[in-house]
Amino acid sequence: MVLKSYRPLLSVPHLPGLFLWSLAARLNIAGLPIGITFLVADWTGSYALAGAVSTTLTVGAAVAGPLRGRSADRGRTDRLMAVCGLCYGTGLVVLALLPAPLWWLSFPLALATGLFTPPASQVGRALWPHLTSGRTRTAMYAAESTFQELVFVVGPLVAAAAVGVGGGRGAVLLIAVVTVAGSAGFALAIRRAGLATPPRPATGAAPLTGRRRSLLLQPELGLLVAVCMLLIAGLAAVDLVIVAWARELGRPGIAGALAAIWSVGSLVGGLVAGGLAGPPRISRRAFAAAAGTVLLVPLLPPVLVLPTPWLLAPVLFVAGLAIAPTLAAATERISDVAPNDRRAEAFGWMNTGITTGVAASAPLTGWLVDGGGPALGVVGGAAMVLGAAVLTLGVGRTPRRCSDPVPAA
């Protein structure tokens, strides 16, 4: 019954291929930090420097988000994907082949490479409203938020396997190849679907903002970006706590398994939410995500020392159930309130908010864990998710936009 709502997506022309290629073009997001960490640590022997290089690449991606979105709104998205994928892959190859004595060059290289991060997620999210409508569009955004969890499971696994075979250099080279192939495949799928050029605004549709005015000045869009930033910052904090806790136990390998269980919970929750009737209620889902995060606090030291970390697994599964549904609701709402001809830019700002949240969460969570243990780190994460939930109370006070033509499919 749950999967019944997703069946219409398979009958929409070009949609399955576009969706799969858009996911393939995002594998670098989850896998690259592992490759970069091992590569720079091999050069310098310092994980701090490795984290700094990875953060520099993230800064480049955050800056590029809205810029690439504007390019997608005004030009050919197939060319944008192909060019960004090629430049990004080339930057990774140069970074991987850099001689160890010149490791300091990795900082400007990482920044330049990050500026060409392929905008697969924002381009895809901007395309879905032109192929779907109504409940089908709701199911599409639910499917995207759900299956993106698989990217965050598969990406690190592929990178870790590559590290085992060829070290950090081999992992970065593999991710470069995967990124170029995924971006090229997505570009070709966009061209075949006839969606390479941005559609003209519907007749009589009044844009919410002027072309020269930042979308962040549109109140609800700015609020949604802040929601995504706080939500992902809180979830990133829990990820970091899981790693730190597993390391303290002397069992670092268990961190990946526990994080995977958390992702599986999110995947299941996303599949179920996508099959529900009616418009998604973002506030209800966000508060459920905050409550799930709070459930983890009393089960971690120094509050409680579990006899085995596996006892945390079922709670992690339950805590993850509301993650993908909340992101799906936020994504769909951004699509609703963004001007038709600036959707990719709006999703670029969403990506910038997400990357900013991840970057800001790491040092704060590390400080909390050092000062009060894993439980305090999760308290910080829960506070950020709760902050996102509170902000969602201001979302949805403007009507849905009806200026999109209804897709023939």
Protein backbone atom coordinates (compact mmCIF):
# COMPACT_ATOMS: atom_id res chain seq x y z
CA MET A 1 0.00 0.00 0.00
CA VAL A 2 2.82 2.39 0.84
CA LEU A 3 4.53 1.92 -2.51
CA LYS A 4 1.26 2.49 -4.41
CA SER A 5 1.79 6.26 -4.31
CA TYR A 6 5.16 5.89 -6.03
CA ARG A 7 3.94 3.83 -8.99
CA PRO A 8 2.75 6.85 -11.02
CA LEU A 9 6.31 8.17 -10.97
CA LEU A 10 7.46 5.24 -13.08
CA SER A 11 5.01 6.19 -15.83
CA VAL A 12 6.15 9.82 -16.13
CA PRO A 13 8.28 10.09 -19.31
CA HIS A 14 12.01 10.49 -18.61
CA LEU A 15 11.50 10.86 -14.83
CA PRO A 16 13.04 7.53 -13.66
CA GLY A 17 16.20 8.07 -15.71
CA LEU A 18 16.57 11.69 -14.61
CA PHE A 19 16.11 10.69 -10.97
CA LEU A 20 18.67 7.87 -11.04
CA TRP A 21 21.30 9.97 -12.82
CA SER A 22 20.74 12.89 -10.43
CA LEU A 23 21.46 10.53 -7.52
CA ALA A 24 24.57 9.16 -9.25
CA ALA A 25 25.87 12.71 -9.72
CA ARG A 26 25.64 13.28 -5.94
CA LEU A 27 27.75 10.34 -4.76
CA ASN A 28 30.75 12.62 -4.30
CA ILE A 29 28.97 14.52 -1.50
CA ALA A 30 29.06 11.59 0.91
CA GLY A 31 32.19 9.77 -0.23
CA LEU A 32 34.70 12.54 -0.81
CA PRO A 33 35.30 13.56 2.84
CA ILE A 34 36.63 10.06 3.57
CA GLY A 35 38.98 10.13 0.59
CA ILE A 36 40.21 13.65 1.38
CA THR A 37 40.78 12.76 5.03
CA PHE A 38 42.98 9.78 4.24
CA LEU A 39 44.78 11.59 1.42
CA VAL A 40 45.78 14.64 3.48
CA ALA A 41 46.49 12.56 6.59
CA ASP A 42 48.91 10.45 4.54
CA TRP A 43 50.71 13.62 3.46
CA THR A 44 50.83 15.44 6.78
CA GLY A 45 50.01 12.94 9.51
CA SER A 46 47.42 15.43 10.78
CA TYR A 47 43.67 14.83 10.85
CA ALA A 48 43.17 18.48 11.76
CA LEU A 49 44.72 19.57 8.46
CA ALA A 50 42.68 16.93 6.65
CA GLY A 51 39.51 18.35 8.17
CA ALA A 52 40.58 21.87 7.21
CA VAL A 53 41.06 20.88 3.56
CA SER A 54 37.67 19.15 3.52
CA THR A 55 36.06 22.24 5.07
CA THR A 56 37.69 24.46 2.43
CA LEU A 57 36.13 22.34 -0.31
CA THR A 58 32.77 22.63 1.47
CA VAL A 59 33.12 26.42 1.61
CA GLY A 60 33.62 26.48 -2.15
CA ALA A 61 30.50 24.37 -2.62
CA ALA A 62 28.48 26.64 -0.31
CA VAL A 63 29.53 29.76 -2.22
CA ALA A 64 28.78 28.12 -5.56
CA GLY A 65 25.26 26.93 -4.63
CA PRO A 66 23.20 30.02 -5.53
CA LEU A 67 25.60 30.99 -8.34
CA ARG A 68 25.14 27.66 -10.11
CA GLY A 69 21.42 27.91 -9.45
CA ARG A 70 21.23 31.23 -11.27
CA SER A 71 23.16 29.73 -14.17
CA ALA A 72 20.70 26.83 -14.31
CA ASP A 73 17.72 29.21 -14.27
CA ARG A 74 19.10 31.30 -17.14
CA GLY A 75 21.03 28.89 -19.36
CA ARG A 76 21.30 25.29 -20.50
CA THR A 77 21.35 22.93 -17.54
CA ASP A 78 22.84 20.07 -19.54
CA ARG A 79 25.93 22.12 -20.39
CA LEU A 80 26.16 23.39 -16.81
CA MET A 81 26.15 19.83 -15.43
CA ALA A 82 28.70 18.59 -17.96
CA VAL A 83 31.10 21.51 -17.51
CA CYS A 84 30.89 21.52 -13.71
CA GLY A 85 31.34 17.76 -13.58
CA LEU A 86 34.41 17.90 -15.82
CA CYS A 87 36.02 20.80 -13.91
CA TYR A 88 35.24 19.22 -10.54
CA GLY A 89 36.65 15.87 -11.62
CA THR A 90 39.77 17.52 -13.02
CA GLY A 91 40.28 19.38 -9.75
CA LEU A 92 40.06 16.12 -7.80
CA VAL A 93 42.57 14.42 -10.11
CA VAL A 94 45.06 17.27 -9.68
CA LEU A 95 44.50 17.14 -5.92
CA ALA A 96 45.03 13.37 -5.79
CA LEU A 97 48.25 13.54 -7.83
CA LEU A 98 49.70 16.44 -5.83
CA PRO A 99 53.19 15.61 -4.45
CA ALA A 100 53.24 15.30 -0.67
CA PRO A 101 55.78 18.16 -0.15
CA LEU A 102 53.32 20.50 -1.90
CA TRP A 103 50.40 19.53 0.36
CA TRP A 104 49.73 23.20 1.19
CA LEU A 105 48.49 23.69 -2.37
CA SER A 106 45.55 21.48 -1.46
CA PHE A 107 43.83 24.48 0.15
CA PRO A 108 43.48 26.66 -2.97
CA LEU A 109 42.86 23.55 -5.07
CA ALA A 110 40.07 22.43 -2.75
CA LEU A 111 38.46 25.87 -2.81
CA ALA A 112 38.61 26.08 -6.61
CA THR A 113 37.29 22.54 -6.98
CA GLY A 114 34.43 23.22 -4.57
CA LEU A 115 33.34 26.19 -6.67
CA PHE A 116 32.61 23.74 -9.51
CA THR A 117 30.59 21.26 -7.42
CA PRO A 118 28.01 19.80 -9.85
CA PRO A 119 24.58 21.23 -8.94
CA ALA A 120 22.82 17.89 -9.38
CA SER A 121 20.51 18.20 -6.38
CA GLN A 122 19.28 21.72 -7.06
CA VAL A 123 18.88 21.13 -10.80
CA GLY A 124 16.90 17.96 -10.13
CA ARG A 125 14.68 19.56 -7.50
CA ALA A 126 13.95 22.43 -9.88
CA LEU A 127 13.00 19.99 -12.66
CA TRP A 128 10.47 17.86 -10.76
CA PRO A 129 7.64 20.46 -10.78
CA HIS A 130 7.81 20.55 -14.59
CA LEU A 131 7.20 16.80 -14.76
CA THR A 132 4.82 16.19 -11.85
CA SER A 133 1.99 17.87 -9.98
CA GLY A 134 -0.29 17.31 -7.00
CA ARG A 135 0.22 14.08 -5.06
CA THR A 136 2.67 12.85 -7.69
CA ARG A 137 4.93 15.81 -6.97
CA THR A 138 4.66 15.19 -3.22
CA ALA A 139 5.67 11.57 -3.81
CA MET A 140 8.55 12.72 -6.00
CA TYR A 141 10.05 14.98 -3.34
CA ALA A 142 9.52 12.26 -0.73
CA ALA A 143 11.30 9.75 -2.96
CA GLU A 144 14.21 12.12 -3.51
CA SER A 145 14.71 12.88 0.18
CA THR A 146 14.37 9.18 0.96
CA PHE A 147 16.72 7.77 -1.64
CA GLN A 148 19.27 10.47 -0.97
CA GLU A 149 19.79 8.58 2.29
CA LEU A 150 21.11 5.74 0.13
CA VAL A 151 23.68 8.16 -1.30
CA PHE A 152 24.92 8.83 2.23
CA VAL A 153 25.17 5.08 2.84
CA VAL A 154 26.63 3.96 -0.50
CA GLY A 155 29.04 6.89 -0.93
CA PRO A 156 31.08 6.28 2.22
CA LEU A 157 31.08 2.51 1.61
CA VAL A 158 32.50 2.97 -1.90
CA ALA A 159 35.09 5.48 -0.65
CA ALA A 160 36.11 3.23 2.24
CA ALA A 161 36.53 0.26 -0.09
CA ALA A 162 38.66 2.40 -2.42
CA VAL A 163 40.82 3.51 0.52
CA GLY A 164 41.41 -0.14 1.39
CA VAL A 165 42.62 -0.88 -2.14
CA GLY A 166 44.41 2.31 -3.22
CA GLY A 167 44.62 4.54 -0.16
CA GLY A 168 43.31 8.09 -0.04
CA ARG A 169 44.70 8.86 -3.49
CA GLY A 170 42.83 5.93 -5.03
CA ALA A 171 39.59 6.95 -3.33
CA VAL A 172 39.79 10.55 -4.56
CA LEU A 173 40.58 9.38 -8.11
CA LEU A 174 37.64 6.98 -8.06
CA ILE A 175 35.28 9.71 -6.84
CA ALA A 176 36.56 11.97 -9.63
CA VAL A 177 35.65 9.33 -12.23
CA VAL A 178 32.24 8.68 -10.64
CA THR A 179 31.47 12.41 -10.51
CA VAL A 180 32.34 13.01 -14.17
CA ALA A 181 30.33 9.96 -15.26
CA GLY A 182 27.33 10.85 -13.10
CA SER A 183 27.29 14.49 -14.21
CA ALA A 184 27.63 13.53 -17.88
CA GLY A 185 24.85 10.96 -17.56
CA PHE A 186 22.55 13.46 -15.87
CA ALA A 187 23.34 16.08 -18.53
CA LEU A 188 22.49 13.61 -21.30
CA ALA A 189 19.25 12.60 -19.55
CA ILE A 190 18.24 16.27 -19.27
CA ARG A 191 18.90 16.83 -22.95
CA ARG A 192 16.94 13.73 -23.98
CA ALA A 193 14.01 14.86 -21.85
CA GLY A 194 13.95 18.24 -23.61
CA LEU A 195 14.47 20.11 -20.34
CA ALA A 196 17.88 21.62 -21.03
CA THR A 197 16.59 25.16 -21.46
CA PRO A 198 14.72 26.95 -18.65
CA PRO A 199 10.95 27.18 -19.20
CA ARG A 200 9.36 30.55 -19.71
CA PRO A 201 7.29 31.94 -16.84
CA ALA A 202 3.61 31.11 -17.17
CA THR A 203 1.40 33.84 -18.61
CA GLY A 204 0.07 36.12 -15.93
CA ALA A 205 2.32 34.71 -13.24
CA ALA A 206 3.72 37.37 -10.97
CA PRO A 207 7.12 36.59 -9.53
CA LEU A 208 7.51 36.86 -5.79
CA THR A 209 10.76 38.79 -6.06
CA GLY A 210 12.59 40.92 -8.56
CA ARG A 211 15.37 39.40 -10.56
CA ARG A 212 18.04 41.51 -8.89
CA ARG A 213 16.74 40.98 -5.38
CA SER A 214 18.18 38.17 -3.29
CA LEU A 215 15.76 35.33 -2.73
CA LEU A 216 16.76 35.31 0.93
CA LEU A 217 14.85 38.59 1.26
CA GLN A 218 11.66 36.69 0.47
CA PRO A 219 10.53 35.94 4.06
CA GLU A 220 9.38 32.34 3.73
CA LEU A 221 12.28 31.25 1.56
CA GLY A 222 14.76 32.73 4.02
CA LEU A 223 12.94 30.95 6.83
CA LEU A 224 13.06 27.61 4.99
CA VAL A 225 16.79 27.96 4.35
CA ALA A 226 17.31 28.57 8.07
CA VAL A 227 15.17 25.51 8.86
CA CYS A 228 17.30 23.31 6.61
CA MET A 229 20.52 24.74 8.05
CA LEU A 230 19.53 24.07 11.68
CA LEU A 231 18.02 20.67 10.91
CA ILE A 232 21.09 19.36 9.11
CA ALA A 233 23.42 20.93 11.68
CA GLY A 234 21.64 18.96 14.40
CA LEU A 235 21.76 15.72 12.44
CA ALA A 236 25.45 16.24 11.67
CA ALA A 237 26.05 16.67 15.40
CA VAL A 238 24.51 13.26 16.09
CA ASP A 239 26.69 11.72 13.36
CA LEU A 240 29.80 13.18 14.98
CA VAL A 241 28.73 11.97 18.43
CA ILE A 242 28.26 8.43 17.12
CA VAL A 243 31.80 8.45 15.72
CA ALA A 244 33.27 9.92 18.93
CA TRP A 245 31.38 7.44 21.13
CA ALA A 246 32.47 4.46 19.06
CA ARG A 247 36.07 5.69 19.23
CA GLU A 248 35.89 6.01 23.03
CA LEU A 249 34.64 2.43 23.21
CA GLY A 250 37.62 1.29 21.19
CA ARG A 251 35.29 0.05 18.44
CA PRO A 252 35.44 2.70 15.69
CA GLY A 253 34.12 0.26 13.10
CA ILE A 254 30.71 0.16 14.78
CA ALA A 255 30.09 3.83 14.01
CA GLY A 256 29.35 3.08 10.36
CA ALA A 257 26.85 0.36 11.26
CA LEU A 258 25.00 2.58 13.76
CA ALA A 259 24.90 5.47 11.29
CA ALA A 260 23.54 3.10 8.64
CA ILE A 261 20.74 2.00 10.99
CA TRP A 262 19.86 5.65 11.55
CA SER A 263 19.76 6.18 7.77
CA VAL A 264 17.58 3.11 7.28
CA GLY A 265 15.10 4.57 9.75
CA SER A 266 15.04 7.78 7.73
CA LEU A 267 14.57 5.80 4.51
CA VAL A 268 11.63 3.85 5.93
CA GLY A 269 10.04 7.01 7.31
CA GLY A 270 10.42 8.75 3.96
CA LEU A 271 8.80 5.89 2.07
CA VAL A 272 5.83 5.82 4.45
CA ALA A 273 5.40 9.61 4.47
CA GLY A 274 5.43 9.74 0.68
CA GLY A 275 2.45 7.39 0.59
CA LEU A 276 0.28 9.44 2.95
CA ALA A 277 -2.66 11.39 1.60
CA GLY A 278 -2.87 15.14 1.97
CA PRO A 279 -0.21 17.87 1.95
CA PRO A 280 2.81 17.31 4.21
CA ARG A 281 2.77 19.12 7.57
CA ILE A 282 6.32 20.28 8.01
CA SER A 283 5.95 21.46 11.62
CA ARG A 284 4.59 18.12 12.83
CA ARG A 285 7.41 16.27 11.11
CA ALA A 286 10.10 18.66 12.38
CA PHE A 287 8.96 18.34 16.01
CA ALA A 288 8.92 14.55 15.58
CA ALA A 289 12.54 14.73 14.37
CA ALA A 290 13.46 16.80 17.43
CA ALA A 291 11.72 14.33 19.74
CA GLY A 292 13.57 11.44 18.12
CA THR A 293 16.90 13.16 18.70
CA VAL A 294 16.05 13.78 22.36
CA LEU A 295 15.41 10.04 22.81
CA LEU A 296 19.15 9.41 22.34
CA VAL A 297 20.31 11.67 25.18
CA PRO A 298 19.57 9.44 28.22
CA LEU A 299 21.17 6.42 26.53
CA LEU A 300 24.65 7.90 26.16
CA PRO A 301 27.45 8.49 28.68
CA PRO A 302 27.81 10.05 31.12
CA VAL A 303 24.04 9.69 31.67
CA LEU A 304 24.05 5.93 31.00
CA VAL A 305 26.74 3.45 30.00
CA LEU A 306 25.12 0.72 27.91
CA PRO A 307 26.51 -2.82 28.24
CA THR A 308 26.69 -2.98 24.45
CA PRO A 309 26.37 -0.17 21.87
CA TRP A 310 23.98 -2.32 19.85
CA LEU A 311 21.25 -1.49 22.37
CA LEU A 312 21.22 1.99 20.83
CA ALA A 313 20.36 0.57 17.39
CA PRO A 314 16.54 0.38 17.74
CA VAL A 315 16.41 3.89 19.22
CA LEU A 316 18.51 5.21 16.34
CA PHE A 317 16.07 3.59 13.90
CA VAL A 318 13.10 5.27 15.58
CA ALA A 319 14.97 8.60 15.82
CA GLY A 320 15.62 8.52 12.08
CA LEU A 321 12.01 7.98 11.01
CA ALA A 322 11.14 11.70 10.75
CA ILE A 323 14.34 12.92 9.05
CA ALA A 324 13.57 12.25 5.37
CA PRO A 325 9.89 13.26 5.75
CA THR A 326 10.91 16.62 7.22
CA LEU A 327 13.43 17.30 4.47
CA ALA A 328 10.89 16.27 1.83
CA ALA A 329 8.30 18.69 3.23
CA ALA A 330 10.83 21.53 3.35
CA THR A 331 12.01 20.82 -0.18
CA GLU A 332 8.48 20.75 -1.57
CA ARG A 333 7.61 23.98 0.18
CA ILE A 334 10.68 25.71 -1.28
CA SER A 335 9.49 24.57 -4.71
CA ASP A 336 6.03 26.01 -3.98
CA VAL A 337 7.12 29.49 -2.86
CA ALA A 338 10.12 30.06 -5.15
CA PRO A 339 9.53 32.02 -8.36
CA ASN A 340 9.11 29.65 -11.30
CA ASP A 341 12.14 31.02 -13.12
CA ARG A 342 14.40 31.01 -10.03
CA ARG A 343 13.79 27.58 -8.51
CA ALA A 344 17.33 26.30 -9.08
CA GLU A 345 18.70 29.40 -7.37
CA ALA A 346 16.35 28.81 -4.43
CA PHE A 347 17.58 25.24 -4.07
CA GLY A 348 21.12 26.56 -4.38
CA TRP A 349 20.49 28.64 -1.27
CA MET A 350 19.08 25.54 0.39
CA ASN A 351 22.33 23.68 -0.38
CA THR A 352 24.31 26.63 0.98
CA GLY A 353 22.31 26.52 4.20
CA ILE A 354 22.88 22.78 4.53
CA THR A 355 26.64 22.97 3.98
CA THR A 356 26.89 25.95 6.36
CA GLY A 357 25.03 23.97 9.00
CA VAL A 358 27.37 21.00 8.66
CA ALA A 359 30.48 23.20 8.79
CA ALA A 360 29.28 25.13 11.86
CA SER A 361 28.07 22.03 13.70
CA ALA A 362 31.39 20.18 13.78
CA PRO A 363 33.43 22.50 16.06
CA LEU A 364 30.47 23.19 18.38
CA THR A 365 29.68 19.50 18.79
CA GLY A 366 33.33 18.66 19.34
CA TRP A 367 33.52 21.26 22.12
CA LEU A 368 30.36 19.88 23.76
CA VAL A 369 31.62 16.28 23.59
CA ASP A 370 34.97 17.28 25.07
CA GLY A 371 33.25 19.13 27.90
CA GLY A 372 30.36 16.83 28.78
CA GLY A 373 30.63 13.60 26.83
CA PRO A 374 28.45 12.17 24.03
CA ALA A 375 25.17 12.94 25.80
CA LEU A 376 25.91 16.67 25.88
CA GLY A 377 26.88 16.56 22.22
CA VAL A 378 23.46 15.11 21.36
CA VAL A 379 21.80 17.75 23.58
CA GLY A 380 23.39 20.36 21.34
CA GLY A 381 22.18 18.55 18.24
CA ALA A 382 18.66 18.20 19.65
CA ALA A 383 18.60 21.93 20.45
CA MET A 384 19.44 22.76 16.83
CA VAL A 385 16.76 20.40 15.48
CA LEU A 386 14.25 21.87 17.95
CA GLY A 387 15.21 25.34 16.75
CA ALA A 388 14.44 24.24 13.20
CA ALA A 389 11.08 22.87 14.35
CA VAL A 390 10.18 26.16 16.04
CA LEU A 391 11.00 28.08 12.86
CA THR A 392 8.68 25.82 10.84
CA LEU A 393 5.75 27.35 12.74
CA GLY A 394 6.19 30.36 10.47
CA VAL A 395 6.20 28.25 7.30
CA GLY A 396 3.10 27.82 5.17
CA ARG A 397 1.43 31.12 5.95
CA THR A 398 1.48 32.08 2.27
CA PRO A 399 -0.66 30.21 -0.28
CA ARG A 400 0.85 27.67 -2.64
CA ARG A 401 1.83 29.04 -6.01
CA CYS A 402 -0.39 27.93 -8.87
CA SER A 403 1.54 29.46 -11.76
CA ASP A 404 3.07 26.21 -12.99
CA PRO A 405 1.39 24.55 -15.93
CA VAL A 406 0.06 21.13 -15.06
CA PRO A 407 2.31 18.49 -16.67
CA ALA A 408 0.75 16.42 -19.40
CA ALA A 409 2.02 13.31 -17.71
